[in-house]
Amino acid sequence: MAKITKVRVLPGYCLELAFDDGVGGVVDLSELVGRGVFALWGDIHVFEQVRIGSFGELVWGDQIDLCPDSLYLRATGKKPEDVFPALRREAAYA
């Protein structure tokens, strides 16, 4: 799967992302703010401290990390089966 290569914080808890396959897009994470571990983002300055982790994921300190696969789907609007062809296979029953 693609890894995140660039991240830029936008207003309203949005992030502009670039992936190593040349695809880019914007994700809106505002619906997560205040929920569970994402309560940390109640302080916008904490959200702005996002960085790219060693596996191409987004991280905020040692408390939050977001998978590049899910962010790729959000940024592109694609469905999992569009990105992971094995999911399109029909189940074989014995």
C-alpha atoms as a PDB file:
ATOM      1  CA  MET A   1       0.000   0.000   0.000  1.00  0.00           C
ATOM      2  CA  ALA A   2       1.032   3.591  -0.502  1.00  0.00           C
ATOM      3  CA  LYS A   3       2.881   5.456   2.223  1.00  0.00           C
ATOM      4  CA  ILE A   4       2.401   9.091   3.121  1.00  0.00           C
ATOM      5  CA  THR A   5       5.328  11.217   1.971  1.00  0.00           C
ATOM      6  CA  LYS A   6       4.049  14.722   2.775  1.00  0.00           C
ATOM      7  CA  VAL A   7       1.512  16.186   5.150  1.00  0.00           C
ATOM      8  CA  ARG A   8       0.312  19.762   5.473  1.00  0.00           C
ATOM      9  CA  VAL A   9      -2.133  20.967   8.115  1.00  0.00           C
ATOM     10  CA  LEU A  10      -5.128  22.888   6.770  1.00  0.00           C
ATOM     11  CA  PRO A  11      -7.819  24.782   8.693  1.00  0.00           C
ATOM     12  CA  GLY A  12     -10.681  22.866  10.288  1.00  0.00           C
ATOM     13  CA  TYR A  13      -8.748  19.730  11.239  1.00  0.00           C
ATOM     14  CA  CYS A  14      -8.027  18.879   7.622  1.00  0.00           C
ATOM     15  CA  LEU A  15      -4.782  17.501   6.234  1.00  0.00           C
ATOM     16  CA  GLU A  16      -3.397  17.667   2.729  1.00  0.00           C
ATOM     17  CA  LEU A  17      -1.578  14.415   2.029  1.00  0.00           C
ATOM     18  CA  ALA A  18       0.783  13.168  -0.670  1.00  0.00           C
ATOM     19  CA  PHE A  19       1.490   9.465  -1.144  1.00  0.00           C
ATOM     20  CA  ASP A  20       4.490   7.688  -2.618  1.00  0.00           C
ATOM     21  CA  ASP A  21       2.477   6.582  -5.662  1.00  0.00           C
ATOM     22  CA  GLY A  22       1.969  10.212  -6.710  1.00  0.00           C
ATOM     23  CA  VAL A  23      -1.627  10.428  -5.480  1.00  0.00           C
ATOM     24  CA  GLY A  24      -2.657  13.248  -3.179  1.00  0.00           C
ATOM     25  CA  GLY A  25      -5.757  14.526  -1.490  1.00  0.00           C
ATOM     26  CA  VAL A  26      -7.319  16.174   1.516  1.00  0.00           C
ATOM     27  CA  VAL A  27      -8.801  14.382   4.516  1.00  0.00           C
ATOM     28  CA  ASP A  28     -11.141  15.962   7.031  1.00  0.00           C
ATOM     29  CA  LEU A  29     -10.567  14.545  10.512  1.00  0.00           C
ATOM     30  CA  SER A  30     -12.825  16.985  12.353  1.00  0.00           C
ATOM     31  CA  GLU A  31     -15.379  14.289  13.257  1.00  0.00           C
ATOM     32  CA  LEU A  32     -12.751  12.564  15.400  1.00  0.00           C
ATOM     33  CA  VAL A  33     -11.914  15.591  17.555  1.00  0.00           C
ATOM     34  CA  GLY A  34     -12.921  15.058  21.170  1.00  0.00           C
ATOM     35  CA  ARG A  35     -13.639  11.329  20.821  1.00  0.00           C
ATOM     36  CA  GLY A  36     -11.585   8.933  22.933  1.00  0.00           C
ATOM     37  CA  VAL A  37      -7.866   9.396  22.370  1.00  0.00           C
ATOM     38  CA  PHE A  38      -8.668  12.162  19.874  1.00  0.00           C
ATOM     39  CA  ALA A  39      -9.636  14.389  22.813  1.00  0.00           C
ATOM     40  CA  LEU A  40      -5.980  15.462  22.584  1.00  0.00           C
ATOM     41  CA  TRP A  41      -6.872  17.317  19.403  1.00  0.00           C
ATOM     42  CA  GLY A  42      -9.152  19.616  21.402  1.00  0.00           C
ATOM     43  CA  ASP A  43      -6.020  21.747  21.474  1.00  0.00           C
ATOM     44  CA  ILE A  44      -5.430  22.600  17.804  1.00  0.00           C
ATOM     45  CA  HIS A  45      -1.729  23.042  18.515  1.00  0.00           C
ATOM     46  CA  VAL A  46      -1.488  19.332  19.347  1.00  0.00           C
ATOM     47  CA  PHE A  47      -3.179  18.454  16.021  1.00  0.00           C
ATOM     48  CA  GLU A  48      -0.717  20.690  14.186  1.00  0.00           C
ATOM     49  CA  GLN A  49       2.200  18.625  15.544  1.00  0.00           C
ATOM     50  CA  VAL A  50       1.446  15.767  13.138  1.00  0.00           C
ATOM     51  CA  ARG A  51       4.421  13.996  11.589  1.00  0.00           C
ATOM     52  CA  ILE A  52       5.010  11.044   9.303  1.00  0.00           C
ATOM     53  CA  GLY A  53       6.089   7.845  11.032  1.00  0.00           C
ATOM     54  CA  SER A  54       8.627   5.301   9.841  1.00  0.00           C
ATOM     55  CA  PHE A  55       5.936   3.189   8.109  1.00  0.00           C
ATOM     56  CA  GLY A  56       4.306   6.089   6.256  1.00  0.00           C
ATOM     57  CA  GLU A  57       1.604   6.541   8.872  1.00  0.00           C
ATOM     58  CA  LEU A  58       0.639   9.789  10.590  1.00  0.00           C
ATOM     59  CA  VAL A  59       1.602  10.121  14.235  1.00  0.00           C
ATOM     60  CA  TRP A  60       1.003  12.527  17.072  1.00  0.00           C
ATOM     61  CA  GLY A  61       3.602  11.841  19.732  1.00  0.00           C
ATOM     62  CA  ASP A  62       3.329   8.315  21.081  1.00  0.00           C
ATOM     63  CA  GLN A  63      -0.422   8.499  21.612  1.00  0.00           C
ATOM     64  CA  ILE A  64      -2.080   8.582  18.180  1.00  0.00           C
ATOM     65  CA  ASP A  65      -1.221   7.012  14.855  1.00  0.00           C
ATOM     66  CA  LEU A  66      -3.376   6.687  11.761  1.00  0.00           C
ATOM     67  CA  CYS A  67      -2.944   3.999   9.141  1.00  0.00           C
ATOM     68  CA  PRO A  68      -1.888   5.212   5.680  1.00  0.00           C
ATOM     69  CA  ASP A  69      -4.283   2.720   4.046  1.00  0.00           C
ATOM     70  CA  SER A  70      -7.379   4.245   5.634  1.00  0.00           C
ATOM     71  CA  LEU A  71      -6.141   7.757   4.926  1.00  0.00           C
ATOM     72  CA  TYR A  72      -5.479   6.806   1.292  1.00  0.00           C
ATOM     73  CA  LEU A  73      -9.069   5.618   0.940  1.00  0.00           C
ATOM     74  CA  ARG A  74     -10.389   8.820   2.504  1.00  0.00           C
ATOM     75  CA  ALA A  75      -8.146  11.068   0.418  1.00  0.00           C
ATOM     76  CA  THR A  76      -9.020   9.376  -2.874  1.00  0.00           C
ATOM     77  CA  GLY A  77     -12.637   8.412  -2.244  1.00  0.00           C
ATOM     78  CA  LYS A  78     -11.841   4.879  -3.361  1.00  0.00           C
ATOM     79  CA  LYS A  79     -13.370   1.743  -1.915  1.00  0.00           C
ATOM     80  CA  PRO A  80     -11.183  -0.950  -0.331  1.00  0.00           C
ATOM     81  CA  GLU A  81     -11.809  -3.335  -3.244  1.00  0.00           C
ATOM     82  CA  ASP A  82     -10.552  -0.657  -5.667  1.00  0.00           C
ATOM     83  CA  VAL A  83      -7.204  -0.570  -3.893  1.00  0.00           C
ATOM     84  CA  PHE A  84      -6.964  -4.180  -2.762  1.00  0.00           C
ATOM     85  CA  PRO A  85      -7.949  -6.360  -5.762  1.00  0.00           C
ATOM     86  CA  ALA A  86      -8.019  -9.543  -3.655  1.00  0.00           C
ATOM     87  CA  LEU A  87     -11.163  -8.211  -1.980  1.00  0.00           C
ATOM     88  CA  ARG A  88     -13.012  -8.443  -5.306  1.00  0.00           C
ATOM     89  CA  ARG A  89     -12.687 -12.190  -5.510  1.00  0.00           C
ATOM     90  CA  GLU A  90     -15.846 -14.136  -4.979  1.00  0.00           C
ATOM     91  CA  ALA A  91     -15.852 -16.567  -2.125  1.00  0.00           C
ATOM     92  CA  ALA A  92     -15.545 -20.195  -3.123  1.00  0.00           C
ATOM     93  CA  TYR A  93     -17.637 -22.605  -1.142  1.00  0.00           C
ATOM     94  CA  ALA A  94     -16.913 -26.324  -0.931  1.00  0.00           C
END
